[in-house]
Amino acid sequence: MAKKNTILLKLESTADTGFFYVKKRNPRKYPNKLSFKKYDPIARKHVEFKETKLK
């Protein structure tokens, strides 16, 4: 059976609020770690979210 093309990962806020998003990523297409500017509802502003391991 073939391996899955996508993996689940956690995008964690750099504002240290503990808020995170869960996203899928294809490691063949995007081999580097992801980072996005997204909305953090706890901090109530847009901050950078960096990829961490989903446990």
Protein backbone atom coordinates (compact mmCIF):
# COMPACT_ATOMS: atom_id res chain seq x y z
CA MET A 1 0.00 0.00 0.00
CA ALA A 2 1.28 3.47 -0.88
CA LYS A 3 2.20 6.15 1.64
CA LYS A 4 0.02 9.23 2.03
CA ASN A 5 1.12 12.31 0.11
CA THR A 6 0.08 14.73 2.85
CA ILE A 7 1.00 15.06 6.50
CA LEU A 8 -0.82 16.97 9.24
CA LEU A 9 1.10 19.71 10.99
CA LYS A 10 0.48 22.35 13.62
CA LEU A 11 0.93 26.06 12.93
CA GLU A 12 1.63 27.62 16.33
CA SER A 13 1.38 31.33 17.13
CA THR A 14 4.60 33.25 17.78
CA ALA A 15 2.66 35.53 20.17
CA ASP A 16 2.90 32.77 22.85
CA THR A 17 -0.86 32.55 23.33
CA GLY A 18 -1.01 28.80 22.76
CA PHE A 19 -3.37 29.18 19.80
CA PHE A 20 -2.69 27.00 16.75
CA TYR A 21 -4.09 25.96 13.39
CA VAL A 22 -3.92 22.44 11.91
CA LYS A 23 -2.96 22.22 8.24
CA LYS A 24 -2.04 19.59 5.66
CA ARG A 25 1.24 19.75 3.74
CA ASN A 26 2.70 17.70 0.91
CA PRO A 27 6.35 17.15 1.89
CA ARG A 28 7.38 16.41 -1.70
CA LYS A 29 6.01 19.70 -3.00
CA TYR A 30 6.95 21.84 0.07
CA PRO A 31 10.04 20.31 1.70
CA ASN A 32 10.77 23.37 3.90
CA LYS A 33 8.89 24.39 7.03
CA LEU A 34 5.87 26.63 6.54
CA SER A 35 5.16 29.99 8.15
CA PHE A 36 2.12 32.19 7.59
CA LYS A 37 0.74 35.47 8.87
CA LYS A 38 -2.69 34.58 10.22
CA TYR A 39 -5.18 35.91 12.76
CA ASP A 40 -4.71 35.01 16.43
CA PRO A 41 -8.08 35.50 18.21
CA ILE A 42 -6.49 35.46 21.67
CA ALA A 43 -4.01 38.23 20.82
CA ARG A 44 -6.70 39.82 18.57
CA LYS A 45 -4.25 40.63 15.76
CA HIS A 46 -2.39 39.05 12.84
CA VAL A 47 0.85 37.37 13.89
CA GLU A 48 3.24 34.90 12.31
CA PHE A 49 2.46 31.21 12.74
CA LYS A 50 5.32 28.72 12.41
CA GLU A 51 5.19 25.00 11.76
CA THR A 52 5.66 22.63 14.67
CA LYS A 53 5.12 18.91 15.05
CA LEU A 54 1.56 17.70 15.69
CA LYS A 55 1.57 15.21 18.55
